[in-house]
N, C-alpha and C. Protein backbone atom coordinates (compact mmCIF):
# COMPACT_ATOMS: atom_id res chain seq x y z
N MET A 1 -28.21 9.18 -46.65
CA MET A 1 -26.90 9.12 -46.04
C MET A 1 -26.60 7.68 -45.64
N SER A 2 -25.38 7.27 -45.78
CA SER A 2 -24.98 5.90 -45.50
C SER A 2 -24.90 5.63 -44.00
N ASP A 3 -25.35 4.42 -43.57
CA ASP A 3 -25.23 4.02 -42.16
C ASP A 3 -23.79 3.95 -41.72
N ALA A 4 -22.91 3.56 -42.62
CA ALA A 4 -21.49 3.43 -42.26
C ALA A 4 -20.92 4.76 -41.80
N ILE A 5 -21.33 5.85 -42.41
CA ILE A 5 -20.82 7.17 -42.04
C ILE A 5 -21.48 7.67 -40.77
N SER A 6 -22.77 7.47 -40.63
CA SER A 6 -23.47 8.03 -39.47
C SER A 6 -23.28 7.19 -38.20
N ASN A 7 -22.80 5.96 -38.32
CA ASN A 7 -22.65 5.11 -37.15
C ASN A 7 -21.19 4.76 -36.84
N VAL A 8 -20.29 5.71 -37.04
CA VAL A 8 -18.88 5.46 -36.75
C VAL A 8 -18.72 5.33 -35.24
N ASP A 9 -18.09 4.25 -34.80
CA ASP A 9 -17.88 4.00 -33.39
C ASP A 9 -16.39 3.74 -33.17
N LEU A 10 -15.63 4.84 -32.96
CA LEU A 10 -14.19 4.74 -32.80
C LEU A 10 -13.78 5.37 -31.48
N ASP A 11 -12.89 4.73 -30.77
CA ASP A 11 -12.34 5.30 -29.55
C ASP A 11 -11.21 6.25 -29.95
N LEU A 12 -11.36 7.53 -29.69
CA LEU A 12 -10.37 8.53 -30.09
C LEU A 12 -9.48 8.96 -28.92
N THR A 13 -9.52 8.21 -27.83
CA THR A 13 -8.69 8.51 -26.67
C THR A 13 -7.21 8.47 -27.06
N GLY A 14 -6.48 9.52 -26.71
CA GLY A 14 -5.04 9.57 -26.97
C GLY A 14 -4.65 9.86 -28.40
N ILE A 15 -5.61 10.18 -29.25
CA ILE A 15 -5.31 10.49 -30.65
C ILE A 15 -4.89 11.94 -30.76
N SER A 16 -3.76 12.18 -31.41
CA SER A 16 -3.25 13.54 -31.60
C SER A 16 -3.64 14.02 -32.99
N VAL A 17 -4.07 15.26 -33.08
CA VAL A 17 -4.39 15.84 -34.38
C VAL A 17 -3.34 16.86 -34.81
N SER A 18 -2.30 17.04 -34.00
CA SER A 18 -1.23 17.97 -34.37
C SER A 18 -0.35 17.33 -35.44
N ARG A 19 0.24 18.18 -36.25
CA ARG A 19 1.17 17.69 -37.27
C ARG A 19 2.43 17.18 -36.58
N PRO A 20 2.95 16.04 -37.00
CA PRO A 20 4.18 15.55 -36.39
C PRO A 20 5.37 16.45 -36.71
N LEU A 21 6.26 16.61 -35.75
CA LEU A 21 7.52 17.32 -35.95
C LEU A 21 8.64 16.29 -36.00
N PHE A 22 9.63 16.55 -36.84
CA PHE A 22 10.76 15.64 -36.98
C PHE A 22 12.03 16.41 -36.66
N ASP A 23 12.93 15.78 -35.93
CA ASP A 23 14.17 16.46 -35.55
C ASP A 23 15.33 15.48 -35.65
N GLY A 24 16.33 15.86 -36.43
CA GLY A 24 17.52 15.04 -36.54
C GLY A 24 17.35 13.79 -37.38
N VAL A 25 16.35 13.76 -38.25
CA VAL A 25 16.16 12.59 -39.11
C VAL A 25 16.31 13.00 -40.58
N VAL A 26 16.79 12.07 -41.38
CA VAL A 26 16.87 12.27 -42.83
C VAL A 26 15.90 11.29 -43.47
N VAL A 27 15.01 11.82 -44.30
CA VAL A 27 13.98 11.00 -44.94
C VAL A 27 14.04 11.22 -46.45
N ARG A 28 14.01 10.14 -47.20
CA ARG A 28 13.90 10.24 -48.66
C ARG A 28 12.46 10.63 -48.98
N CYS A 29 12.32 11.68 -49.80
CA CYS A 29 10.99 12.20 -50.16
C CYS A 29 10.90 12.40 -51.66
N ARG A 30 9.67 12.31 -52.16
CA ARG A 30 9.37 12.63 -53.56
C ARG A 30 8.73 14.01 -53.57
N ILE A 31 9.23 14.86 -54.47
CA ILE A 31 8.73 16.24 -54.56
C ILE A 31 7.45 16.27 -55.39
N GLY A 32 6.45 16.95 -54.86
CA GLY A 32 5.18 17.11 -55.57
C GLY A 32 5.18 18.37 -56.42
N GLU A 33 4.00 18.88 -56.72
CA GLU A 33 3.83 20.06 -57.58
C GLU A 33 4.25 21.32 -56.84
N ALA A 34 5.54 21.67 -56.89
CA ALA A 34 6.03 22.89 -56.25
C ALA A 34 5.39 24.10 -56.92
N ARG A 35 5.09 25.12 -56.11
CA ARG A 35 4.41 26.29 -56.65
C ARG A 35 4.72 27.52 -55.78
N ILE A 36 4.47 28.69 -56.32
CA ILE A 36 4.63 29.95 -55.59
C ILE A 36 3.26 30.33 -55.03
N GLU A 37 3.23 30.67 -53.74
CA GLU A 37 2.02 31.19 -53.10
C GLU A 37 2.34 32.52 -52.46
N SER A 38 1.45 33.49 -52.67
CA SER A 38 1.62 34.81 -52.08
C SER A 38 0.36 35.19 -51.32
N GLU A 39 0.57 35.70 -50.10
CA GLU A 39 -0.56 36.20 -49.31
C GLU A 39 -0.03 37.14 -48.24
N GLU A 40 -0.77 38.20 -47.98
CA GLU A 40 -0.45 39.16 -46.93
C GLU A 40 0.99 39.64 -46.99
N GLY A 41 1.48 39.96 -48.19
CA GLY A 41 2.83 40.48 -48.34
C GLY A 41 3.93 39.44 -48.25
N ARG A 42 3.56 38.18 -48.08
CA ARG A 42 4.55 37.10 -48.01
C ARG A 42 4.47 36.30 -49.29
N SER A 43 5.62 35.80 -49.71
CA SER A 43 5.67 34.95 -50.89
C SER A 43 6.57 33.77 -50.57
N ASN A 44 6.09 32.58 -50.87
CA ASN A 44 6.81 31.35 -50.56
C ASN A 44 6.82 30.41 -51.75
N LEU A 45 7.92 29.67 -51.88
CA LEU A 45 7.93 28.52 -52.76
C LEU A 45 7.42 27.37 -51.90
N VAL A 46 6.27 26.82 -52.25
CA VAL A 46 5.64 25.75 -51.49
C VAL A 46 6.06 24.42 -52.12
N ILE A 47 6.62 23.54 -51.27
CA ILE A 47 7.17 22.28 -51.75
C ILE A 47 6.48 21.11 -51.07
N PRO A 48 5.53 20.45 -51.75
CA PRO A 48 4.92 19.25 -51.18
C PRO A 48 5.91 18.09 -51.23
N LEU A 49 6.03 17.39 -50.12
CA LEU A 49 6.94 16.24 -50.02
C LEU A 49 6.15 15.02 -49.60
N GLN A 50 6.42 13.90 -50.25
CA GLN A 50 5.81 12.63 -49.87
C GLN A 50 6.91 11.71 -49.38
N PHE A 51 6.79 11.24 -48.13
CA PHE A 51 7.80 10.36 -47.55
C PHE A 51 7.85 9.04 -48.33
N GLU A 52 9.05 8.59 -48.62
CA GLU A 52 9.27 7.30 -49.28
C GLU A 52 9.58 6.21 -48.25
N ALA A 53 9.83 6.63 -47.00
CA ALA A 53 10.18 5.70 -45.93
C ALA A 53 9.47 6.13 -44.65
N ALA A 54 9.38 5.21 -43.71
CA ALA A 54 8.80 5.54 -42.41
C ALA A 54 9.75 6.46 -41.64
N ALA A 55 9.20 7.25 -40.72
CA ALA A 55 10.00 8.13 -39.87
C ALA A 55 9.29 8.28 -38.53
N THR A 56 10.07 8.55 -37.49
CA THR A 56 9.51 8.73 -36.16
C THR A 56 9.57 10.20 -35.78
N SER A 57 8.44 10.73 -35.31
CA SER A 57 8.35 12.14 -34.94
C SER A 57 8.92 12.35 -33.54
N THR A 58 9.04 13.61 -33.15
CA THR A 58 9.61 13.95 -31.84
C THR A 58 8.78 13.42 -30.69
N ASP A 59 7.49 13.18 -30.91
CA ASP A 59 6.64 12.65 -29.83
C ASP A 59 6.49 11.13 -29.92
N GLY A 60 7.31 10.48 -30.75
CA GLY A 60 7.33 9.02 -30.82
C GLY A 60 6.35 8.40 -31.81
N ARG A 61 5.56 9.22 -32.50
CA ARG A 61 4.64 8.66 -33.49
C ARG A 61 5.42 8.25 -34.73
N GLU A 62 5.06 7.12 -35.30
CA GLU A 62 5.69 6.70 -36.55
C GLU A 62 4.75 7.02 -37.69
N VAL A 63 5.30 7.70 -38.71
CA VAL A 63 4.52 7.95 -39.92
C VAL A 63 5.02 6.96 -40.97
N THR A 64 4.14 6.57 -41.82
CA THR A 64 4.44 5.54 -42.81
C THR A 64 4.79 6.17 -44.16
N PRO A 65 5.40 5.39 -45.04
CA PRO A 65 5.64 5.90 -46.40
C PRO A 65 4.32 6.41 -46.99
N GLY A 66 4.41 7.51 -47.70
CA GLY A 66 3.22 8.15 -48.26
C GLY A 66 2.79 9.36 -47.45
N PHE A 67 3.35 9.53 -46.23
CA PHE A 67 3.03 10.69 -45.40
C PHE A 67 3.35 11.96 -46.18
N GLN A 68 2.46 12.94 -46.09
CA GLN A 68 2.62 14.20 -46.82
C GLN A 68 3.10 15.31 -45.88
N HIS A 69 4.18 15.97 -46.26
CA HIS A 69 4.70 17.12 -45.52
C HIS A 69 4.83 18.26 -46.52
N THR A 70 4.60 19.49 -46.08
CA THR A 70 4.76 20.64 -46.97
C THR A 70 5.82 21.57 -46.39
N ASP A 71 6.83 21.87 -47.18
CA ASP A 71 7.86 22.83 -46.79
C ASP A 71 7.59 24.13 -47.54
N ARG A 72 8.08 25.22 -46.96
CA ARG A 72 7.95 26.53 -47.59
C ARG A 72 9.30 27.23 -47.56
N ILE A 73 9.73 27.74 -48.70
CA ILE A 73 10.94 28.55 -48.76
C ILE A 73 10.51 30.00 -48.92
N ASN A 74 10.89 30.80 -47.94
CA ASN A 74 10.53 32.22 -47.91
C ASN A 74 11.24 32.95 -49.06
N LEU A 75 10.49 33.66 -49.87
CA LEU A 75 11.04 34.39 -51.00
C LEU A 75 11.11 35.90 -50.75
N VAL A 76 10.71 36.34 -49.56
CA VAL A 76 10.65 37.77 -49.25
C VAL A 76 12.02 38.26 -48.80
N VAL A 77 12.43 39.37 -49.37
CA VAL A 77 13.67 40.04 -48.96
C VAL A 77 13.30 41.03 -47.87
N SER A 78 13.86 40.84 -46.66
CA SER A 78 13.59 41.76 -45.56
C SER A 78 14.64 41.57 -44.48
N GLY A 79 14.83 42.60 -43.68
CA GLY A 79 15.80 42.51 -42.59
C GLY A 79 17.16 42.11 -43.11
N ASN A 80 17.71 41.03 -42.56
CA ASN A 80 19.02 40.54 -42.97
C ASN A 80 18.95 39.63 -44.19
N ARG A 81 17.76 39.34 -44.67
CA ARG A 81 17.58 38.42 -45.80
C ARG A 81 17.70 39.20 -47.11
N THR A 82 18.80 38.97 -47.82
CA THR A 82 19.09 39.70 -49.06
C THR A 82 18.57 38.93 -50.27
N PRO A 83 18.46 39.60 -51.43
CA PRO A 83 18.08 38.88 -52.65
C PRO A 83 19.05 37.73 -52.95
N GLN A 84 20.34 37.92 -52.69
CA GLN A 84 21.33 36.88 -52.93
C GLN A 84 21.05 35.66 -52.06
N MET A 85 20.66 35.87 -50.80
CA MET A 85 20.36 34.75 -49.90
C MET A 85 19.16 33.95 -50.40
N VAL A 86 18.14 34.65 -50.90
CA VAL A 86 16.96 33.96 -51.44
C VAL A 86 17.38 33.10 -52.63
N LYS A 87 18.17 33.66 -53.54
CA LYS A 87 18.64 32.92 -54.71
C LYS A 87 19.48 31.71 -54.31
N GLU A 88 20.34 31.87 -53.31
CA GLU A 88 21.18 30.76 -52.86
C GLU A 88 20.34 29.62 -52.28
N THR A 89 19.30 29.97 -51.53
CA THR A 89 18.41 28.95 -50.95
C THR A 89 17.72 28.16 -52.06
N ILE A 90 17.20 28.85 -53.05
CA ILE A 90 16.54 28.18 -54.18
C ILE A 90 17.55 27.34 -54.96
N ALA A 91 18.76 27.86 -55.15
CA ALA A 91 19.79 27.12 -55.89
C ALA A 91 20.18 25.84 -55.16
N ARG A 92 20.31 25.88 -53.83
CA ARG A 92 20.64 24.67 -53.06
C ARG A 92 19.53 23.63 -53.20
N PHE A 93 18.27 24.09 -53.15
CA PHE A 93 17.14 23.18 -53.34
C PHE A 93 17.19 22.56 -54.73
N GLN A 94 17.39 23.37 -55.76
CA GLN A 94 17.45 22.87 -57.14
C GLN A 94 18.58 21.86 -57.31
N CYS A 95 19.76 22.17 -56.78
CA CYS A 95 20.91 21.27 -56.91
C CYS A 95 20.62 19.92 -56.27
N ALA A 96 20.03 19.94 -55.07
CA ALA A 96 19.71 18.69 -54.39
C ALA A 96 18.66 17.89 -55.17
N ALA A 97 17.62 18.58 -55.62
CA ALA A 97 16.52 17.89 -56.32
C ALA A 97 16.96 17.30 -57.65
N LEU A 98 17.86 17.99 -58.34
CA LEU A 98 18.27 17.54 -59.66
C LEU A 98 19.62 16.83 -59.65
N GLY A 99 20.25 16.70 -58.47
CA GLY A 99 21.53 16.02 -58.37
C GLY A 99 22.66 16.77 -59.06
N LEU A 100 22.61 18.09 -59.00
CA LEU A 100 23.61 18.93 -59.66
C LEU A 100 24.66 19.44 -58.66
N LYS A 101 25.85 19.72 -59.16
CA LYS A 101 26.90 20.36 -58.35
C LYS A 101 26.71 21.88 -58.33
N GLU A 102 26.22 22.42 -59.44
CA GLU A 102 25.99 23.86 -59.60
C GLU A 102 24.57 24.05 -60.13
N PRO A 103 23.93 25.17 -59.78
CA PRO A 103 22.57 25.41 -60.29
C PRO A 103 22.55 25.53 -61.81
N LYS A 104 21.39 25.16 -62.39
CA LYS A 104 21.21 25.31 -63.83
C LYS A 104 21.21 26.80 -64.18
N PRO A 105 21.87 27.17 -65.28
CA PRO A 105 21.81 28.57 -65.70
C PRO A 105 20.38 28.96 -66.07
N GLY A 106 20.05 30.21 -65.87
CA GLY A 106 18.72 30.70 -66.24
C GLY A 106 17.78 30.68 -65.06
N ARG A 107 16.51 30.78 -65.36
CA ARG A 107 15.48 30.89 -64.33
C ARG A 107 15.16 29.53 -63.72
N PHE A 108 14.82 29.54 -62.42
CA PHE A 108 14.37 28.33 -61.75
C PHE A 108 12.96 28.00 -62.23
N GLU A 109 12.74 26.77 -62.62
CA GLU A 109 11.42 26.30 -63.03
C GLU A 109 10.98 25.21 -62.06
N ALA A 110 9.91 25.48 -61.31
CA ALA A 110 9.43 24.52 -60.32
C ALA A 110 9.08 23.19 -60.96
N SER A 111 8.62 23.22 -62.20
CA SER A 111 8.22 21.98 -62.88
C SER A 111 9.39 21.03 -63.08
N ASP A 112 10.63 21.54 -63.08
CA ASP A 112 11.81 20.69 -63.26
C ASP A 112 12.01 19.71 -62.12
N VAL A 113 11.51 20.03 -60.92
CA VAL A 113 11.78 19.21 -59.75
C VAL A 113 10.64 18.27 -59.38
N VAL A 114 9.49 18.40 -60.03
CA VAL A 114 8.33 17.58 -59.71
C VAL A 114 8.65 16.11 -59.96
N GLY A 115 8.35 15.28 -58.96
CA GLY A 115 8.55 13.84 -59.08
C GLY A 115 9.96 13.38 -58.73
N LYS A 116 10.87 14.31 -58.49
CA LYS A 116 12.25 13.95 -58.17
C LYS A 116 12.35 13.47 -56.73
N LEU A 117 13.32 12.57 -56.49
CA LEU A 117 13.60 12.11 -55.13
C LEU A 117 14.70 12.97 -54.53
N VAL A 118 14.54 13.29 -53.27
CA VAL A 118 15.52 14.10 -52.55
C VAL A 118 15.55 13.62 -51.10
N ASP A 119 16.72 13.65 -50.49
CA ASP A 119 16.81 13.36 -49.06
C ASP A 119 16.63 14.67 -48.32
N VAL A 120 15.82 14.64 -47.27
CA VAL A 120 15.52 15.85 -46.51
C VAL A 120 15.95 15.63 -45.07
N ARG A 121 16.82 16.53 -44.58
CA ARG A 121 17.22 16.50 -43.17
C ARG A 121 16.27 17.45 -42.42
N PHE A 122 15.46 16.86 -41.55
CA PHE A 122 14.49 17.64 -40.79
C PHE A 122 15.10 18.08 -39.45
N SER A 123 14.86 19.31 -39.08
CA SER A 123 15.22 19.80 -37.75
C SER A 123 14.08 20.69 -37.25
N THR A 124 14.08 20.90 -35.95
CA THR A 124 13.01 21.67 -35.32
C THR A 124 13.62 22.84 -34.58
N ARG A 125 12.96 24.00 -34.66
CA ARG A 125 13.41 25.16 -33.90
C ARG A 125 12.22 25.84 -33.26
N ALA A 126 12.47 26.45 -32.10
CA ALA A 126 11.42 27.16 -31.38
C ALA A 126 11.22 28.54 -31.97
N ASP A 127 9.99 29.04 -31.89
CA ASP A 127 9.66 30.39 -32.29
C ASP A 127 10.41 31.37 -31.38
N ARG A 128 10.99 32.40 -31.96
CA ARG A 128 11.76 33.37 -31.15
C ARG A 128 10.88 34.13 -30.17
N SER A 129 9.63 34.37 -30.52
CA SER A 129 8.76 35.17 -29.66
C SER A 129 7.83 34.32 -28.80
N ASP A 130 7.69 33.04 -29.11
CA ASP A 130 6.79 32.17 -28.34
C ASP A 130 7.39 30.77 -28.31
N SER A 131 8.05 30.44 -27.19
CA SER A 131 8.78 29.17 -27.10
C SER A 131 7.87 27.95 -27.08
N SER A 132 6.54 28.16 -27.03
CA SER A 132 5.63 27.01 -27.09
C SER A 132 5.32 26.62 -28.54
N LYS A 133 5.75 27.44 -29.50
CA LYS A 133 5.54 27.16 -30.92
C LYS A 133 6.85 26.69 -31.53
N PHE A 134 6.74 25.73 -32.45
CA PHE A 134 7.92 25.18 -33.11
C PHE A 134 7.76 25.22 -34.61
N TYR A 135 8.89 25.32 -35.30
CA TYR A 135 8.92 25.32 -36.75
C TYR A 135 9.74 24.14 -37.24
N GLN A 136 9.33 23.61 -38.36
CA GLN A 136 10.03 22.50 -38.99
C GLN A 136 10.94 23.08 -40.06
N ASP A 137 12.24 22.82 -39.96
CA ASP A 137 13.19 23.25 -40.98
C ASP A 137 13.61 22.04 -41.81
N CYS A 138 13.82 22.28 -43.10
CA CYS A 138 14.23 21.22 -44.02
C CYS A 138 15.52 21.63 -44.73
N LYS A 139 16.48 20.72 -44.76
CA LYS A 139 17.68 20.91 -45.55
C LYS A 139 17.68 19.81 -46.60
N TYR A 140 17.84 20.21 -47.84
CA TYR A 140 17.74 19.28 -48.96
C TYR A 140 19.11 18.74 -49.33
N ILE A 141 19.16 17.42 -49.56
CA ILE A 141 20.40 16.72 -49.89
C ILE A 141 20.10 15.86 -51.12
N ALA A 142 21.02 15.83 -52.07
CA ALA A 142 20.80 15.00 -53.26
C ALA A 142 20.64 13.54 -52.87
N ALA A 143 19.60 12.89 -53.38
CA ALA A 143 19.37 11.47 -53.11
C ALA A 143 20.43 10.66 -53.84
N LYS A 144 20.96 9.68 -53.15
CA LYS A 144 22.00 8.84 -53.77
C LYS A 144 21.45 7.48 -54.11
């Protein structure tokens, strides 16, 4: 084993390990390998985002270009969420990612958006059942 690894001497006072939350900021991001993930009856379109610019989180931390954020678009139809609403959400994402006014006809292909630049408006909302928990919401805007 290397001495460098076993003899790390770093002061970790005041270091936060929580994920930064962003509220009211728009950040240009590059879309990574979007994919569908399903678990426990939930299905999401998972969208990896890499920041192209610095941004300041709600607790004042600055993240640098290259910061990785993952968004999830819920694909489950339940309660007030209709199949049409799910399709509209995916269509808005596709239009922003591809710079389109209207969605492409046919099926959505996640591979079409990989590597594309998109502006993301981040907002934060509290959990309805536990106000100590917060969720990060993303609204996608075509990069200009």
